[in-house]
C-alpha atoms as a PDB file:
ATOM      1  CA  MET A   1      -8.720 -29.690  12.961  1.00  0.00           C
ATOM      2  CA  PRO A   2      -5.532 -27.640  13.629  1.00  0.00           C
ATOM      3  CA  THR A   3      -5.932 -24.292  15.225  1.00  0.00           C
ATOM      4  CA  LEU A   4      -5.022 -21.319  13.081  1.00  0.00           C
ATOM      5  CA  GLN A   5      -1.881 -19.596  14.410  1.00  0.00           C
ATOM      6  CA  LYS A   6      -2.677 -15.876  14.478  1.00  0.00           C
ATOM      7  CA  LEU A   7       0.017 -13.423  13.453  1.00  0.00           C
ATOM      8  CA  ARG A   8       0.923 -11.206  16.424  1.00  0.00           C
ATOM      9  CA  ILE A   9       0.979  -7.495  15.749  1.00  0.00           C
ATOM     10  CA  LEU A  10       2.356  -4.513  17.717  1.00  0.00           C
ATOM     11  CA  LEU A  11       0.931  -1.149  16.795  1.00  0.00           C
ATOM     12  CA  VAL A  12       3.190   1.970  17.271  1.00  0.00           C
ATOM     13  CA  ASP A  13       1.614   5.386  16.764  1.00  0.00           C
ATOM     14  CA  ASP A  14       1.452   8.325  19.122  1.00  0.00           C
ATOM     15  CA  HIS A  15      -2.232   8.981  18.454  1.00  0.00           C
ATOM     16  CA  HIS A  16      -4.458   6.758  20.638  1.00  0.00           C
ATOM     17  CA  MET A  17      -7.569   7.177  18.556  1.00  0.00           C
ATOM     18  CA  PHE A  18      -5.702   6.138  15.383  1.00  0.00           C
ATOM     19  CA  ARG A  19      -4.327   3.048  17.132  1.00  0.00           C
ATOM     20  CA  ALA A  20      -7.854   2.104  18.413  1.00  0.00           C
ATOM     21  CA  GLY A  21      -9.313   2.349  14.901  1.00  0.00           C
ATOM     22  CA  LEU A  22      -6.420   0.416  13.419  1.00  0.00           C
ATOM     23  CA  LYS A  23      -6.738  -2.258  16.059  1.00  0.00           C
ATOM     24  CA  SER A  24     -10.438  -2.631  15.341  1.00  0.00           C
ATOM     25  CA  LEU A  25      -9.769  -2.909  11.549  1.00  0.00           C
ATOM     26  CA  ILE A  26      -7.117  -5.508  12.008  1.00  0.00           C
ATOM     27  CA  GLU A  27      -8.891  -7.670  14.497  1.00  0.00           C
ATOM     28  CA  GLN A  28     -11.834  -8.121  12.010  1.00  0.00           C
ATOM     29  CA  LYS A  29      -9.497 -10.669  10.371  1.00  0.00           C
ATOM     30  CA  ALA A  30      -9.244 -14.025  12.015  1.00  0.00           C
ATOM     31  CA  GLU A  31      -5.591 -14.487  11.119  1.00  0.00           C
ATOM     32  CA  PHE A  32      -4.342 -11.358  13.033  1.00  0.00           C
ATOM     33  CA  ASP A  33      -4.134 -10.467  16.678  1.00  0.00           C
ATOM     34  CA  VAL A  34      -3.041  -7.024  18.008  1.00  0.00           C
ATOM     35  CA  VAL A  35      -1.022  -8.139  21.060  1.00  0.00           C
ATOM     36  CA  ALA A  36       0.346  -4.707  22.063  1.00  0.00           C
ATOM     37  CA  GLU A  37       0.326  -1.005  21.434  1.00  0.00           C
ATOM     38  CA  ALA A  38       2.844   1.737  21.973  1.00  0.00           C
ATOM     39  CA  ALA A  39       2.921   5.460  21.796  1.00  0.00           C
ATOM     40  CA  SER A  40       6.778   5.838  21.656  1.00  0.00           C
ATOM     41  CA  ILE A  41       9.846   4.021  20.494  1.00  0.00           C
ATOM     42  CA  GLY A  42      10.929   3.275  24.123  1.00  0.00           C
ATOM     43  CA  GLU A  43       7.463   1.810  24.878  1.00  0.00           C
ATOM     44  CA  ALA A  44       7.540  -0.144  21.610  1.00  0.00           C
ATOM     45  CA  MET A  45      10.882  -1.737  22.535  1.00  0.00           C
ATOM     46  CA  ILE A  46       9.536  -2.821  25.958  1.00  0.00           C
ATOM     47  CA  LYS A  47       6.309  -4.164  24.291  1.00  0.00           C
ATOM     48  CA  MET A  48       8.405  -6.018  21.712  1.00  0.00           C
ATOM     49  CA  GLY A  49      10.201  -7.900  24.445  1.00  0.00           C
ATOM     50  CA  GLU A  50       7.001  -8.740  26.259  1.00  0.00           C
ATOM     51  CA  SER A  51       4.734  -9.620  23.327  1.00  0.00           C
ATOM     52  CA  LEU A  52       7.168 -11.004  20.705  1.00  0.00           C
ATOM     53  CA  PRO A  53       5.182  -9.756  17.695  1.00  0.00           C
ATOM     54  CA  ASP A  54       5.479 -11.102  14.190  1.00  0.00           C
ATOM     55  CA  ILE A  55       4.763  -7.713  12.642  1.00  0.00           C
ATOM     56  CA  VAL A  56       5.168  -4.121  13.875  1.00  0.00           C
ATOM     57  CA  ILE A  57       2.926  -1.479  12.212  1.00  0.00           C
ATOM     58  CA  ALA A  58       4.394   1.938  12.868  1.00  0.00           C
ATOM     59  CA  ASP A  59       4.156   5.568  11.726  1.00  0.00           C
ATOM     60  CA  LEU A  60       7.273   7.399  10.558  1.00  0.00           C
ATOM     61  CA  SER A  61       6.398  10.251  12.891  1.00  0.00           C
ATOM     62  CA  ILE A  62       6.006   9.047  16.435  1.00  0.00           C
ATOM     63  CA  GLY A  63       5.763  12.257  18.443  1.00  0.00           C
ATOM     64  CA  ARG A  64       9.238  13.827  18.101  1.00  0.00           C
ATOM     65  CA  GLU A  65      10.766  10.423  17.299  1.00  0.00           C
ATOM     66  CA  SER A  66      11.485   8.846  13.905  1.00  0.00           C
ATOM     67  CA  GLY A  67       9.974   5.599  12.791  1.00  0.00           C
ATOM     68  CA  LEU A  68      13.189   5.091  10.796  1.00  0.00           C
ATOM     69  CA  GLU A  69      14.953   4.669  14.129  1.00  0.00           C
ATOM     70  CA  LEU A  70      12.266   2.228  15.253  1.00  0.00           C
ATOM     71  CA  ILE A  71      12.814   0.057  12.114  1.00  0.00           C
ATOM     72  CA  ALA A  72      16.593  -0.221  12.914  1.00  0.00           C
ATOM     73  CA  LYS A  73      15.888  -1.049  16.563  1.00  0.00           C
ATOM     74  CA  VAL A  74      13.349  -3.736  15.604  1.00  0.00           C
ATOM     75  CA  GLN A  75      15.797  -5.246  13.144  1.00  0.00           C
ATOM     76  CA  ARG A  76      18.538  -5.392  15.749  1.00  0.00           C
ATOM     77  CA  LEU A  77      16.225  -6.899  18.475  1.00  0.00           C
ATOM     78  CA  ALA A  78      14.274  -9.336  16.359  1.00  0.00           C
ATOM     79  CA  ALA A  79      15.382  -9.556  12.741  1.00  0.00           C
ATOM     80  CA  GLN A  80      12.476 -11.983  11.899  1.00  0.00           C
ATOM     81  CA  THR A  81       9.864  -9.379  12.949  1.00  0.00           C
ATOM     82  CA  ARG A  82       8.576  -7.596   9.876  1.00  0.00           C
ATOM     83  CA  VAL A  83       7.838  -3.837   9.940  1.00  0.00           C
ATOM     84  CA  VAL A  84       4.957  -2.205   8.086  1.00  0.00           C
ATOM     85  CA  ILE A  85       5.183   1.572   7.856  1.00  0.00           C
ATOM     86  CA  LEU A  86       1.806   3.345   7.811  1.00  0.00           C
ATOM     87  CA  SER A  87       2.469   6.964   7.332  1.00  0.00           C
ATOM     88  CA  MET A  88       1.113  10.280   5.826  1.00  0.00           C
ATOM     89  CA  HIS A  89       4.627  10.848   4.468  1.00  0.00           C
ATOM     90  CA  SER A  90       5.346   9.348   1.050  1.00  0.00           C
ATOM     91  CA  THR A  91       8.454  11.133  -0.327  1.00  0.00           C
ATOM     92  CA  GLU A  92      10.767   8.911  -2.295  1.00  0.00           C
ATOM     93  CA  ALA A  93      13.603   9.662   0.114  1.00  0.00           C
ATOM     94  CA  LEU A  94      11.678   8.561   3.183  1.00  0.00           C
ATOM     95  CA  VAL A  95      10.259   5.427   1.514  1.00  0.00           C
ATOM     96  CA  GLY A  96      13.681   4.506   0.138  1.00  0.00           C
ATOM     97  CA  GLU A  97      15.265   4.981   3.630  1.00  0.00           C
ATOM     98  CA  ALA A  98      12.543   2.925   5.324  1.00  0.00           C
ATOM     99  CA  LEU A  99      13.082   0.099   2.868  1.00  0.00           C
ATOM    100  CA  LYS A 100      16.904   0.270   3.258  1.00  0.00           C
ATOM    101  CA  ARG A 101      16.518   0.001   7.032  1.00  0.00           C
ATOM    102  CA  GLY A 102      14.358  -3.131   6.717  1.00  0.00           C
ATOM    103  CA  ALA A 103      10.652  -2.129   6.386  1.00  0.00           C
ATOM    104  CA  GLY A 104       8.732  -4.868   4.637  1.00  0.00           C
ATOM    105  CA  ALA A 105       5.812  -2.683   3.592  1.00  0.00           C
ATOM    106  CA  TYR A 106       5.069   0.979   3.146  1.00  0.00           C
ATOM    107  CA  LEU A 107       1.498   2.279   3.209  1.00  0.00           C
ATOM    108  CA  ILE A 108       0.172   5.764   3.178  1.00  0.00           C
ATOM    109  CA  LYS A 109      -2.623   6.614   5.579  1.00  0.00           C
ATOM    110  CA  GLU A 110      -4.878   7.600   2.703  1.00  0.00           C
ATOM    111  CA  ALA A 111      -4.853   3.920   1.518  1.00  0.00           C
ATOM    112  CA  ALA A 112      -8.026   1.901   1.448  1.00  0.00           C
ATOM    113  CA  PRO A 113      -8.443  -0.519   4.356  1.00  0.00           C
ATOM    114  CA  GLU A 114      -8.026  -3.531   2.055  1.00  0.00           C
ATOM    115  CA  GLU A 115      -4.472  -2.414   1.329  1.00  0.00           C
ATOM    116  CA  LEU A 116      -3.534  -3.057   4.936  1.00  0.00           C
ATOM    117  CA  ASP A 117      -4.702  -6.614   4.709  1.00  0.00           C
ATOM    118  CA  ILE A 118      -2.778  -7.069   1.447  1.00  0.00           C
ATOM    119  CA  ALA A 119       0.373  -5.684   3.034  1.00  0.00           C
ATOM    120  CA  LEU A 120       0.053  -7.804   6.194  1.00  0.00           C
ATOM    121  CA  HIS A 121      -0.335 -10.970   4.165  1.00  0.00           C
ATOM    122  CA  ALA A 122       2.600 -10.018   1.953  1.00  0.00           C
ATOM    123  CA  VAL A 123       5.034  -9.352   4.760  1.00  0.00           C
ATOM    124  CA  SER A 124       3.909 -12.510   6.507  1.00  0.00           C
ATOM    125  CA  ARG A 125       5.105 -14.396   3.475  1.00  0.00           C
ATOM    126  CA  GLY A 126       8.393 -12.494   3.498  1.00  0.00           C
ATOM    127  CA  GLU A 127       7.493 -10.269   0.556  1.00  0.00           C
ATOM    128  CA  THR A 128       7.683  -6.511   0.276  1.00  0.00           C
ATOM    129  CA  TYR A 129       4.559  -4.384  -0.371  1.00  0.00           C
ATOM    130  CA  LEU A 130       4.237  -0.722  -1.375  1.00  0.00           C
ATOM    131  CA  SER A 131       1.039   1.223  -1.748  1.00  0.00           C
ATOM    132  CA  PRO A 132       0.355   1.932  -5.375  1.00  0.00           C
ATOM    133  CA  ALA A 133       0.879   5.666  -4.937  1.00  0.00           C
ATOM    134  CA  VAL A 134       4.276   4.942  -3.309  1.00  0.00           C
ATOM    135  CA  SER A 135       5.378   2.388  -5.806  1.00  0.00           C
ATOM    136  CA  THR A 136       4.603   4.764  -8.675  1.00  0.00           C
ATOM    137  CA  LYS A 137       6.846   7.384  -7.091  1.00  0.00           C
ATOM    138  CA  MET A 138       9.617   4.886  -6.539  1.00  0.00           C
ATOM    139  CA  ILE A 139       9.412   3.587 -10.083  1.00  0.00           C
ATOM    140  CA  ASN A 140       9.532   7.136 -11.445  1.00  0.00           C
ATOM    141  CA  ARG A 141      12.596   7.900  -9.263  1.00  0.00           C
ATOM    142  CA  PHE A 142      14.610   4.761 -10.027  1.00  0.00           C
ATOM    143  CA  VAL A 143      13.450   3.331 -13.311  1.00  0.00           C
ATOM    144  CA  ARG A 144      12.306   6.554 -15.083  1.00  0.00           C
ATOM    145  CA  PRO A 145      14.443   9.348 -13.692  1.00  0.00           C
ATOM    146  CA  GLY A 146      12.783  12.642 -14.543  1.00  0.00           C
ATOM    147  CA  GLY A 147       9.385  11.064 -14.144  1.00  0.00           C
ATOM    148  CA  GLY A 148       8.681  10.307 -17.818  1.00  0.00           C
ATOM    149  CA  ALA A 149       6.137   7.645 -18.652  1.00  0.00           C
END
């Protein structure tokens, strides 16, 4: 029987406890493997070169650095690597900018753990995923300007 090829994940967040919890959550799934962690963009770029992840999960606020910058750097270094943003920030402008720069998914940290699994599977298939709260804001901004239902 063929061996399941695990998707390799790099976690980028400046909070060690958060990364540890996220890693534990992700590694409960047989199809994912957290191969590296980073607390800064510079460290993330080094770990990208060493671990060759399929997916990068990153916050938009990485200390004093911007996850938007990280998305652009990941795209330049390894365009096939998908980026999942997991952030407490959910303004339409930030979500829109993250997507423009190449993020494949945008989740808010308040999301249910199951949403992360859905997002990881979606980006692994080349699809885009937005948390329902984020997608509602984006629909209201672009489809129904003024927020009307």
